[in-house]
């Protein structure tokens, strides 16, 4: 089975920050047991400040406040909810990774 693009959405907000979501349906493997490859990022001034992805060989993980940690993927809907919560925290100035 070849990968199939599920969604690709890129938006720029009024401050110029970029949100981009990409997801593909892929064969289930050790690193993608849920059959999805995804990347969702929040970019400020050309720098990723928040990201969730399952880059080949790394499985599901999250980037926040310059720290990478494993992420327990549940569903695309939950991924978007968690990502939006992180963006809100970032915009409110809360970048304390220890609270997560």
N, C-alpha and C. Protein backbone atom coordinates (compact mmCIF):
# COMPACT_ATOMS: atom_id res chain seq x y z
N UNK A 1 0.84 -1.18 0.00
CA UNK A 1 0.00 0.00 0.00
C UNK A 1 0.88 1.24 0.00
N UNK A 2 0.60 2.15 -0.89
CA UNK A 2 1.33 3.41 -0.91
C UNK A 2 0.72 4.36 0.11
N UNK A 3 1.49 5.35 0.51
CA UNK A 3 0.93 6.35 1.42
C UNK A 3 -0.09 7.21 0.67
N UNK A 4 -1.09 7.66 1.42
CA UNK A 4 -2.14 8.49 0.84
C UNK A 4 -2.31 9.73 1.70
N UNK A 5 -2.21 10.90 1.08
CA UNK A 5 -2.36 12.14 1.83
C UNK A 5 -3.76 12.23 2.42
N UNK A 6 -3.83 12.42 3.72
CA UNK A 6 -5.10 12.54 4.42
C UNK A 6 -5.49 14.01 4.55
N UNK A 7 -4.51 14.85 4.93
CA UNK A 7 -4.77 16.28 5.11
C UNK A 7 -3.46 17.05 4.97
N UNK A 8 -3.54 18.24 4.41
CA UNK A 8 -2.42 19.18 4.40
C UNK A 8 -3.03 20.57 4.48
N UNK A 9 -2.78 21.21 5.60
CA UNK A 9 -3.34 22.54 5.83
C UNK A 9 -2.23 23.44 6.38
N UNK A 10 -2.09 24.60 5.79
CA UNK A 10 -1.09 25.57 6.23
C UNK A 10 -1.77 26.93 6.35
N UNK A 11 -1.61 27.55 7.52
CA UNK A 11 -2.25 28.84 7.77
C UNK A 11 -1.25 29.80 8.41
N UNK A 12 -1.42 31.06 8.10
CA UNK A 12 -0.61 32.12 8.71
C UNK A 12 -1.59 33.02 9.47
N UNK A 13 -1.31 33.27 10.76
CA UNK A 13 -2.23 34.11 11.53
C UNK A 13 -1.87 35.59 11.37
N UNK A 14 -2.61 36.44 12.06
CA UNK A 14 -2.44 37.89 11.91
C UNK A 14 -1.07 38.38 12.36
N UNK A 15 -0.36 37.61 13.18
CA UNK A 15 0.98 38.00 13.63
C UNK A 15 2.08 37.41 12.74
N UNK A 16 1.67 36.63 11.74
CA UNK A 16 2.64 36.02 10.83
C UNK A 16 3.11 34.64 11.24
N UNK A 17 2.62 34.14 12.39
CA UNK A 17 2.99 32.79 12.82
C UNK A 17 2.31 31.77 11.92
N UNK A 18 2.99 30.67 11.68
CA UNK A 18 2.49 29.64 10.76
C UNK A 18 2.12 28.38 11.52
N UNK A 19 0.97 27.83 11.18
CA UNK A 19 0.55 26.51 11.66
C UNK A 19 0.43 25.62 10.43
N UNK A 20 1.07 24.45 10.49
CA UNK A 20 0.97 23.53 9.36
C UNK A 20 0.71 22.12 9.87
N UNK A 21 -0.26 21.47 9.27
CA UNK A 21 -0.63 20.10 9.61
C UNK A 21 -0.57 19.26 8.35
N UNK A 22 0.17 18.14 8.44
CA UNK A 22 0.24 17.18 7.34
C UNK A 22 0.04 15.79 7.93
N UNK A 23 -0.76 14.98 7.25
CA UNK A 23 -0.95 13.60 7.70
C UNK A 23 -1.20 12.70 6.50
N UNK A 24 -0.64 11.51 6.57
CA UNK A 24 -0.78 10.51 5.52
C UNK A 24 -1.25 9.19 6.13
N UNK A 25 -2.01 8.44 5.38
CA UNK A 25 -2.33 7.07 5.74
C UNK A 25 -1.20 6.21 5.17
N UNK A 26 -0.58 5.40 6.03
CA UNK A 26 0.56 4.57 5.64
C UNK A 26 0.35 3.15 6.17
N UNK A 27 1.11 2.20 5.65
CA UNK A 27 1.03 0.86 6.22
C UNK A 27 1.45 0.88 7.69
N UNK A 28 0.77 0.12 8.51
CA UNK A 28 1.15 0.02 9.92
C UNK A 28 2.51 -0.66 10.03
N UNK A 29 3.38 -0.09 10.85
CA UNK A 29 4.71 -0.64 11.11
C UNK A 29 5.01 -0.50 12.59
N UNK A 30 6.20 -0.89 12.98
CA UNK A 30 6.63 -0.74 14.37
C UNK A 30 6.57 0.73 14.79
N UNK A 31 6.96 1.64 13.89
CA UNK A 31 7.00 3.06 14.23
C UNK A 31 5.69 3.79 13.95
N UNK A 32 4.83 3.19 13.15
CA UNK A 32 3.52 3.78 12.86
C UNK A 32 2.44 2.72 13.04
N UNK A 33 2.27 2.20 14.27
CA UNK A 33 1.30 1.13 14.49
C UNK A 33 -0.14 1.56 14.20
N UNK A 34 -0.39 2.85 14.26
CA UNK A 34 -1.72 3.40 14.01
C UNK A 34 -1.97 3.65 12.52
N UNK A 35 -0.95 3.44 11.69
CA UNK A 35 -1.11 3.60 10.25
C UNK A 35 -1.18 5.03 9.77
N UNK A 36 -0.61 5.94 10.55
CA UNK A 36 -0.58 7.35 10.18
C UNK A 36 0.82 7.91 10.31
N UNK A 37 1.20 8.72 9.36
CA UNK A 37 2.42 9.53 9.46
C UNK A 37 1.93 10.96 9.52
N UNK A 38 2.46 11.74 10.48
CA UNK A 38 1.94 13.09 10.66
C UNK A 38 3.03 14.06 11.09
N UNK A 39 2.74 15.32 10.87
CA UNK A 39 3.58 16.42 11.33
C UNK A 39 2.68 17.63 11.52
N UNK A 40 2.72 18.20 12.70
CA UNK A 40 1.99 19.44 12.96
C UNK A 40 2.97 20.38 13.67
N UNK A 41 3.10 21.60 13.14
CA UNK A 41 4.09 22.54 13.67
C UNK A 41 3.50 23.93 13.84
N UNK A 42 4.08 24.65 14.79
CA UNK A 42 3.78 26.07 14.99
C UNK A 42 5.11 26.79 14.84
N UNK A 43 5.18 27.70 13.87
CA UNK A 43 6.44 28.35 13.51
C UNK A 43 6.34 29.85 13.78
N UNK A 44 7.33 30.38 14.49
CA UNK A 44 7.41 31.80 14.81
C UNK A 44 8.73 32.33 14.26
N UNK A 45 8.66 33.33 13.41
CA UNK A 45 9.86 33.93 12.82
C UNK A 45 10.79 32.88 12.20
N UNK A 46 10.19 31.90 11.53
CA UNK A 46 10.97 30.88 10.84
C UNK A 46 11.50 29.76 11.72
N UNK A 47 11.12 29.75 13.01
CA UNK A 47 11.62 28.75 13.95
C UNK A 47 10.45 27.91 14.47
N UNK A 48 10.59 26.58 14.42
CA UNK A 48 9.57 25.71 15.01
C UNK A 48 9.64 25.85 16.53
N UNK A 49 8.56 26.29 17.14
CA UNK A 49 8.51 26.40 18.59
C UNK A 49 7.69 25.27 19.21
N UNK A 50 6.79 24.69 18.43
CA UNK A 50 6.00 23.55 18.87
C UNK A 50 5.88 22.59 17.69
N UNK A 51 5.99 21.31 17.97
CA UNK A 51 5.81 20.34 16.90
C UNK A 51 5.47 18.96 17.44
N UNK A 52 4.66 18.27 16.70
CA UNK A 52 4.34 16.87 16.98
C UNK A 52 4.58 16.12 15.67
N UNK A 53 5.27 15.00 15.75
CA UNK A 53 5.48 14.21 14.54
C UNK A 53 5.91 12.80 14.89
N UNK A 54 5.98 11.99 13.87
CA UNK A 54 6.49 10.62 14.04
C UNK A 54 7.50 10.34 12.93
N UNK A 55 8.52 11.15 12.94
CA UNK A 55 9.62 11.02 11.99
C UNK A 55 10.13 9.58 11.98
N UNK A 56 10.50 9.12 10.81
CA UNK A 56 10.99 7.75 10.65
C UNK A 56 12.08 7.44 11.68
N UNK A 57 11.91 6.33 12.38
CA UNK A 57 12.90 5.89 13.35
C UNK A 57 12.72 6.48 14.74
N UNK A 58 11.82 7.45 14.91
CA UNK A 58 11.65 8.09 16.21
C UNK A 58 10.29 7.81 16.85
N UNK A 59 9.36 7.28 16.11
CA UNK A 59 8.00 7.07 16.59
C UNK A 59 7.36 8.40 16.99
N UNK A 60 6.26 8.34 17.72
CA UNK A 60 5.50 9.55 18.07
C UNK A 60 6.26 10.37 19.12
N UNK A 61 6.42 11.66 18.85
CA UNK A 61 7.08 12.53 19.81
C UNK A 61 6.63 13.97 19.63
N UNK A 62 7.02 14.79 20.60
CA UNK A 62 6.56 16.17 20.67
C UNK A 62 7.76 17.07 20.95
N UNK A 63 7.72 18.26 20.37
CA UNK A 63 8.74 19.29 20.61
C UNK A 63 8.04 20.48 21.25
N UNK A 64 8.55 20.92 22.39
CA UNK A 64 8.00 22.10 23.06
C UNK A 64 9.10 22.71 23.91
N UNK A 65 9.24 24.02 23.82
CA UNK A 65 10.25 24.73 24.62
C UNK A 65 11.65 24.16 24.39
N UNK A 66 11.93 23.72 23.17
CA UNK A 66 13.26 23.22 22.84
C UNK A 66 13.55 21.82 23.34
N UNK A 67 12.52 21.14 23.86
CA UNK A 67 12.70 19.80 24.40
C UNK A 67 11.86 18.81 23.60
N UNK A 68 12.45 17.66 23.30
CA UNK A 68 11.74 16.59 22.59
C UNK A 68 11.41 15.49 23.58
N UNK A 69 10.13 15.07 23.59
CA UNK A 69 9.69 13.99 24.47
C UNK A 69 8.76 13.06 23.71
N UNK A 70 8.68 11.79 24.14
CA UNK A 70 7.72 10.88 23.52
C UNK A 70 6.30 11.42 23.66
N UNK A 71 5.45 11.07 22.71
CA UNK A 71 4.05 11.49 22.73
C UNK A 71 3.18 10.25 22.58
N UNK A 72 2.16 10.13 23.42
CA UNK A 72 1.24 9.00 23.36
C UNK A 72 0.11 9.32 22.39
N UNK A 73 0.31 8.93 21.13
CA UNK A 73 -0.69 9.20 20.10
C UNK A 73 -1.94 8.38 20.37
N UNK A 74 -3.10 9.06 20.37
CA UNK A 74 -4.39 8.40 20.57
C UNK A 74 -5.21 8.46 19.28
N UNK A 75 -5.31 9.67 18.73
CA UNK A 75 -6.09 9.88 17.50
C UNK A 75 -5.68 11.21 16.90
N UNK A 76 -6.06 11.44 15.64
CA UNK A 76 -5.78 12.74 15.01
C UNK A 76 -6.50 13.85 15.76
N UNK A 77 -7.74 13.59 16.18
CA UNK A 77 -8.50 14.61 16.91
C UNK A 77 -7.78 14.99 18.20
N UNK A 78 -7.28 14.00 18.95
CA UNK A 78 -6.57 14.29 20.19
C UNK A 78 -5.25 14.99 19.91
N UNK A 79 -4.58 14.61 18.84
CA UNK A 79 -3.34 15.28 18.45
C UNK A 79 -3.58 16.77 18.24
N UNK A 80 -4.62 17.10 17.50
CA UNK A 80 -4.94 18.51 17.23
C UNK A 80 -5.30 19.23 18.53
N UNK A 81 -6.06 18.58 19.41
CA UNK A 81 -6.41 19.17 20.71
C UNK A 81 -5.16 19.45 21.53
N UNK A 82 -4.25 18.48 21.62
CA UNK A 82 -3.02 18.65 22.40
C UNK A 82 -2.14 19.75 21.79
N UNK A 83 -2.04 19.76 20.48
CA UNK A 83 -1.25 20.78 19.80
C UNK A 83 -1.82 22.17 20.07
N UNK A 84 -3.13 22.33 19.92
CA UNK A 84 -3.76 23.63 20.16
C UNK A 84 -3.58 24.09 21.60
N UNK A 85 -3.62 23.15 22.54
CA UNK A 85 -3.38 23.49 23.95
C UNK A 85 -1.96 24.01 24.14
N UNK A 86 -0.99 23.38 23.48
CA UNK A 86 0.40 23.84 23.56
C UNK A 86 0.56 25.23 22.94
N UNK A 87 -0.09 25.47 21.82
CA UNK A 87 -0.01 26.80 21.19
C UNK A 87 -0.58 27.85 22.14
N UNK A 88 -1.71 27.55 22.76
CA UNK A 88 -2.30 28.49 23.72
C UNK A 88 -1.34 28.76 24.86
N UNK A 89 -0.73 27.70 25.40
CA UNK A 89 0.24 27.87 26.49
C UNK A 89 1.41 28.74 26.04
N UNK A 90 1.90 28.48 24.85
CA UNK A 90 3.02 29.26 24.32
C UNK A 90 2.63 30.74 24.20
N UNK A 91 1.47 31.01 23.64
CA UNK A 91 1.03 32.39 23.43
C UNK A 91 0.77 33.11 24.75
N UNK A 92 0.44 32.35 25.79
CA UNK A 92 0.23 32.93 27.12
C UNK A 92 1.54 33.06 27.89
N UNK A 93 2.65 32.64 27.26
CA UNK A 93 3.96 32.79 27.89
C UNK A 93 4.35 31.65 28.80
N UNK A 94 3.59 30.57 28.80
CA UNK A 94 3.88 29.42 29.64
C UNK A 94 4.65 28.39 28.82
N UNK A 95 5.96 28.40 28.96
CA UNK A 95 6.77 27.42 28.22
C UNK A 95 7.51 26.49 29.17
N UNK A 96 6.91 26.25 30.35
CA UNK A 96 7.53 25.36 31.33
C UNK A 96 7.21 23.91 30.98
N UNK A 97 8.14 23.23 30.41
CA UNK A 97 7.98 21.84 29.98
C UNK A 97 7.63 20.93 31.17
N UNK A 98 8.06 21.28 32.37
CA UNK A 98 7.82 20.43 33.53
C UNK A 98 6.35 20.33 33.90
N UNK A 99 5.54 21.28 33.45
CA UNK A 99 4.11 21.25 33.76
C UNK A 99 3.34 20.30 32.86
N UNK A 100 4.00 19.74 31.86
CA UNK A 100 3.27 18.94 30.86
C UNK A 100 3.28 17.48 31.20
